[in-house]
């Protein structure tokens, strides 16, 4: 899969892997909301990273998930990896 990674892709993967907290609306403006405020801790993000790697055939380095504190940062990181993999 070489298409760009989007917020919709991320939301789907988060919901499939970890679900969502009852008080969190993933359909709201969440791009710059911290993952911790969305109810996703490190284990959920590791699961998310694994799913992204499998679906987009990329390898995320360890810091990709720990450094990405918001959905926007993770999406940007994943898209950089996709671009590099396609080059």
N, C-alpha and C. Protein backbone atom coordinates (compact mmCIF):
# COMPACT_ATOMS: atom_id res chain seq x y z
N UNK A 1 0.85 -1.17 0.00
CA UNK A 1 0.00 0.00 0.00
C UNK A 1 0.90 1.23 0.00
N UNK A 2 0.70 2.13 -0.95
CA UNK A 2 1.58 3.28 -1.02
C UNK A 2 0.85 4.61 -0.92
N UNK A 3 -0.47 4.61 -0.78
CA UNK A 3 -1.21 5.86 -0.65
C UNK A 3 -0.83 6.54 0.65
N UNK A 4 -1.11 7.83 0.72
CA UNK A 4 -0.79 8.59 1.92
C UNK A 4 -1.60 8.08 3.11
N UNK A 5 -0.99 8.16 4.25
CA UNK A 5 -1.63 7.79 5.50
C UNK A 5 -2.42 9.00 6.00
N UNK A 6 -3.68 8.79 6.33
CA UNK A 6 -4.56 9.90 6.68
C UNK A 6 -5.09 9.76 8.11
N UNK A 7 -5.75 10.82 8.54
CA UNK A 7 -6.39 10.78 9.86
C UNK A 7 -7.45 9.68 9.90
N UNK A 8 -8.18 9.51 8.83
CA UNK A 8 -9.18 8.43 8.81
C UNK A 8 -8.52 7.07 8.97
N UNK A 9 -7.37 6.87 8.33
CA UNK A 9 -6.63 5.61 8.50
C UNK A 9 -6.25 5.42 9.96
N UNK A 10 -5.73 6.49 10.56
CA UNK A 10 -5.29 6.41 11.95
C UNK A 10 -6.47 6.13 12.88
N UNK A 11 -7.56 6.81 12.68
CA UNK A 11 -8.73 6.59 13.56
C UNK A 11 -9.21 5.15 13.44
N UNK A 12 -9.26 4.62 12.23
CA UNK A 12 -9.70 3.23 12.05
C UNK A 12 -8.78 2.27 12.80
N UNK A 13 -7.49 2.47 12.65
CA UNK A 13 -6.52 1.58 13.29
C UNK A 13 -6.59 1.71 14.80
N UNK A 14 -6.73 2.92 15.31
CA UNK A 14 -6.85 3.10 16.76
C UNK A 14 -8.10 2.39 17.28
N UNK A 15 -9.21 2.54 16.58
CA UNK A 15 -10.46 1.92 17.04
C UNK A 15 -10.37 0.40 16.96
N UNK A 16 -9.76 -0.13 15.90
CA UNK A 16 -9.64 -1.58 15.77
C UNK A 16 -8.70 -2.16 16.82
N UNK A 17 -7.64 -1.43 17.13
CA UNK A 17 -6.63 -1.97 18.03
C UNK A 17 -6.89 -1.72 19.50
N UNK A 18 -7.45 -0.56 19.80
CA UNK A 18 -7.58 -0.19 21.21
C UNK A 18 -8.95 0.35 21.58
N UNK A 19 -9.81 0.54 20.61
CA UNK A 19 -11.12 1.11 20.91
C UNK A 19 -10.99 2.59 21.22
N UNK A 20 -12.01 3.14 21.87
CA UNK A 20 -11.99 4.56 22.22
C UNK A 20 -12.63 4.73 23.58
N UNK A 21 -12.12 5.68 24.31
CA UNK A 21 -12.72 6.00 25.61
C UNK A 21 -14.11 6.59 25.37
N UNK A 22 -15.00 6.36 26.31
CA UNK A 22 -16.38 6.81 26.15
C UNK A 22 -16.49 8.32 26.04
N UNK A 23 -15.60 9.04 26.67
CA UNK A 23 -15.69 10.51 26.66
C UNK A 23 -14.87 11.17 25.57
N UNK A 24 -14.39 10.38 24.62
CA UNK A 24 -13.57 10.91 23.53
C UNK A 24 -14.31 10.76 22.21
N UNK A 25 -14.38 11.87 21.45
CA UNK A 25 -15.00 11.85 20.13
C UNK A 25 -13.90 11.92 19.09
N UNK A 26 -13.58 10.77 18.52
CA UNK A 26 -12.51 10.75 17.51
C UNK A 26 -12.91 11.46 16.23
N UNK A 27 -14.19 11.75 16.07
CA UNK A 27 -14.64 12.49 14.89
C UNK A 27 -14.50 13.99 15.07
N UNK A 28 -14.10 14.44 16.24
CA UNK A 28 -13.89 15.86 16.48
C UNK A 28 -12.53 16.29 15.95
N UNK A 29 -12.13 17.50 16.28
CA UNK A 29 -10.85 18.04 15.84
C UNK A 29 -9.76 17.51 16.78
N UNK A 30 -9.17 16.39 16.39
CA UNK A 30 -8.21 15.71 17.26
C UNK A 30 -6.78 15.77 16.76
N UNK A 31 -6.55 16.37 15.61
CA UNK A 31 -5.21 16.34 15.01
C UNK A 31 -4.11 16.77 15.96
N UNK A 32 -4.36 17.79 16.75
CA UNK A 32 -3.31 18.29 17.64
C UNK A 32 -3.58 17.99 19.11
N UNK A 33 -4.42 17.03 19.36
CA UNK A 33 -4.72 16.60 20.72
C UNK A 33 -3.75 15.49 21.12
N UNK A 34 -3.18 15.61 22.28
CA UNK A 34 -2.22 14.59 22.74
C UNK A 34 -2.89 13.22 22.81
N UNK A 35 -2.15 12.20 22.41
CA UNK A 35 -2.69 10.84 22.49
C UNK A 35 -3.14 10.50 23.90
N UNK A 36 -2.41 10.98 24.88
CA UNK A 36 -2.80 10.68 26.26
C UNK A 36 -4.15 11.31 26.59
N UNK A 37 -4.43 12.49 26.05
CA UNK A 37 -5.74 13.12 26.27
C UNK A 37 -6.85 12.39 25.53
N UNK A 38 -6.49 11.65 24.49
CA UNK A 38 -7.46 10.85 23.74
C UNK A 38 -7.65 9.48 24.39
N UNK A 39 -6.87 9.20 25.42
CA UNK A 39 -7.00 7.93 26.13
C UNK A 39 -6.09 6.83 25.62
N UNK A 40 -5.11 7.18 24.79
CA UNK A 40 -4.19 6.17 24.25
C UNK A 40 -2.84 6.28 24.92
N UNK A 41 -2.46 5.24 25.60
CA UNK A 41 -1.16 5.17 26.27
C UNK A 41 -0.18 4.43 25.38
N UNK A 42 1.01 4.22 25.87
CA UNK A 42 2.09 3.66 25.05
C UNK A 42 1.77 2.28 24.48
N UNK A 43 1.11 1.43 25.24
CA UNK A 43 0.80 0.09 24.72
C UNK A 43 -0.15 0.18 23.53
N UNK A 44 -1.14 1.05 23.61
CA UNK A 44 -2.07 1.23 22.49
C UNK A 44 -1.34 1.78 21.27
N UNK A 45 -0.38 2.67 21.50
CA UNK A 45 0.37 3.22 20.37
C UNK A 45 1.31 2.20 19.76
N UNK A 46 1.86 1.31 20.59
CA UNK A 46 2.68 0.24 20.04
C UNK A 46 1.85 -0.67 19.15
N UNK A 47 0.66 -1.02 19.60
CA UNK A 47 -0.25 -1.83 18.78
C UNK A 47 -0.59 -1.09 17.50
N UNK A 48 -0.84 0.19 17.60
CA UNK A 48 -1.15 1.01 16.43
C UNK A 48 0.02 0.99 15.45
N UNK A 49 1.22 1.16 15.97
CA UNK A 49 2.41 1.14 15.12
C UNK A 49 2.57 -0.18 14.38
N UNK A 50 2.33 -1.27 15.08
CA UNK A 50 2.42 -2.58 14.44
C UNK A 50 1.41 -2.74 13.32
N UNK A 51 0.21 -2.26 13.54
CA UNK A 51 -0.82 -2.34 12.51
C UNK A 51 -0.45 -1.46 11.31
N UNK A 52 0.06 -0.28 11.58
CA UNK A 52 0.48 0.61 10.48
C UNK A 52 1.58 -0.06 9.67
N UNK A 53 2.56 -0.64 10.35
CA UNK A 53 3.66 -1.29 9.65
C UNK A 53 3.17 -2.41 8.74
N UNK A 54 2.24 -3.20 9.24
CA UNK A 54 1.72 -4.32 8.44
C UNK A 54 0.92 -3.82 7.25
N UNK A 55 0.06 -2.85 7.46
CA UNK A 55 -0.81 -2.39 6.38
C UNK A 55 -0.08 -1.57 5.32
N UNK A 56 0.93 -0.81 5.73
CA UNK A 56 1.62 0.07 4.78
C UNK A 56 3.00 -0.46 4.41
N UNK A 57 3.33 -1.65 4.87
CA UNK A 57 4.60 -2.29 4.53
C UNK A 57 5.79 -1.37 4.76
N UNK A 58 5.80 -0.76 5.93
CA UNK A 58 6.93 0.10 6.32
C UNK A 58 7.43 -0.36 7.68
N UNK A 59 8.58 0.12 8.05
CA UNK A 59 9.13 -0.14 9.37
C UNK A 59 9.31 1.19 10.08
N UNK A 60 8.66 1.32 11.21
CA UNK A 60 8.78 2.54 12.01
C UNK A 60 9.87 2.33 13.05
N UNK A 61 10.79 3.27 13.15
CA UNK A 61 11.80 3.13 14.19
C UNK A 61 11.16 3.35 15.55
N UNK A 62 11.86 2.94 16.59
CA UNK A 62 11.30 2.99 17.94
C UNK A 62 10.84 4.38 18.34
N UNK A 63 11.57 5.39 17.92
CA UNK A 63 11.24 6.74 18.33
C UNK A 63 10.02 7.31 17.58
N UNK A 64 9.63 6.69 16.47
CA UNK A 64 8.52 7.22 15.69
C UNK A 64 7.26 7.32 16.53
N UNK A 65 7.02 6.33 17.35
CA UNK A 65 5.80 6.32 18.16
C UNK A 65 5.98 7.11 19.45
N UNK A 66 7.16 7.04 20.01
CA UNK A 66 7.35 7.75 21.27
C UNK A 66 7.47 9.26 21.06
N UNK A 67 8.00 9.67 19.92
CA UNK A 67 8.15 11.10 19.63
C UNK A 67 6.87 11.74 19.13
N UNK A 68 5.97 10.95 18.57
CA UNK A 68 4.72 11.49 18.04
C UNK A 68 3.71 11.59 19.17
N UNK A 69 3.50 12.81 19.63
CA UNK A 69 2.58 13.01 20.76
C UNK A 69 1.15 13.27 20.35
N UNK A 70 0.94 13.55 19.07
CA UNK A 70 -0.41 13.86 18.59
C UNK A 70 -0.68 13.09 17.30
N UNK A 71 -1.92 12.97 16.91
CA UNK A 71 -2.22 12.33 15.62
C UNK A 71 -1.51 13.00 14.45
N UNK A 72 -1.46 14.35 14.42
CA UNK A 72 -0.78 15.03 13.31
C UNK A 72 0.68 14.62 13.23
N UNK A 73 1.36 14.56 14.37
CA UNK A 73 2.76 14.19 14.36
C UNK A 73 2.96 12.75 13.89
N UNK A 74 2.08 11.84 14.31
CA UNK A 74 2.22 10.45 13.87
C UNK A 74 1.92 10.32 12.38
N UNK A 75 0.89 11.01 11.91
CA UNK A 75 0.55 10.96 10.48
C UNK A 75 1.73 11.48 9.65
N UNK A 76 2.32 12.59 10.06
CA UNK A 76 3.47 13.13 9.34
C UNK A 76 4.63 12.13 9.33
N UNK A 77 4.88 11.51 10.46
CA UNK A 77 5.96 10.54 10.55
C UNK A 77 5.70 9.35 9.64
N UNK A 78 4.49 8.83 9.68
CA UNK A 78 4.16 7.67 8.84
C UNK A 78 4.29 8.04 7.37
N UNK A 79 3.82 9.22 6.98
CA UNK A 79 3.92 9.61 5.57
C UNK A 79 5.36 9.79 5.13
N UNK A 80 6.23 10.26 6.02
CA UNK A 80 7.66 10.34 5.66
C UNK A 80 8.23 8.95 5.43
N UNK A 81 7.84 7.99 6.24
CA UNK A 81 8.32 6.61 6.06
C UNK A 81 7.76 6.02 4.76
N UNK A 82 6.51 6.30 4.46
CA UNK A 82 5.91 5.80 3.21
C UNK A 82 6.64 6.38 2.00
N UNK A 83 6.94 7.67 2.05
CA UNK A 83 7.65 8.32 0.95
C UNK A 83 9.04 7.72 0.77
N UNK A 84 9.73 7.51 1.89
CA UNK A 84 11.07 6.90 1.81
C UNK A 84 11.00 5.49 1.25
N UNK A 85 10.01 4.73 1.68
CA UNK A 85 9.88 3.34 1.22
C UNK A 85 9.58 3.28 -0.27
N UNK A 86 8.88 4.29 -0.79
CA UNK A 86 8.50 4.29 -2.20
C UNK A 86 9.64 4.79 -3.10
N UNK A 87 10.65 5.45 -2.51
CA UNK A 87 11.74 6.03 -3.32
C UNK A 87 12.68 4.96 -3.84
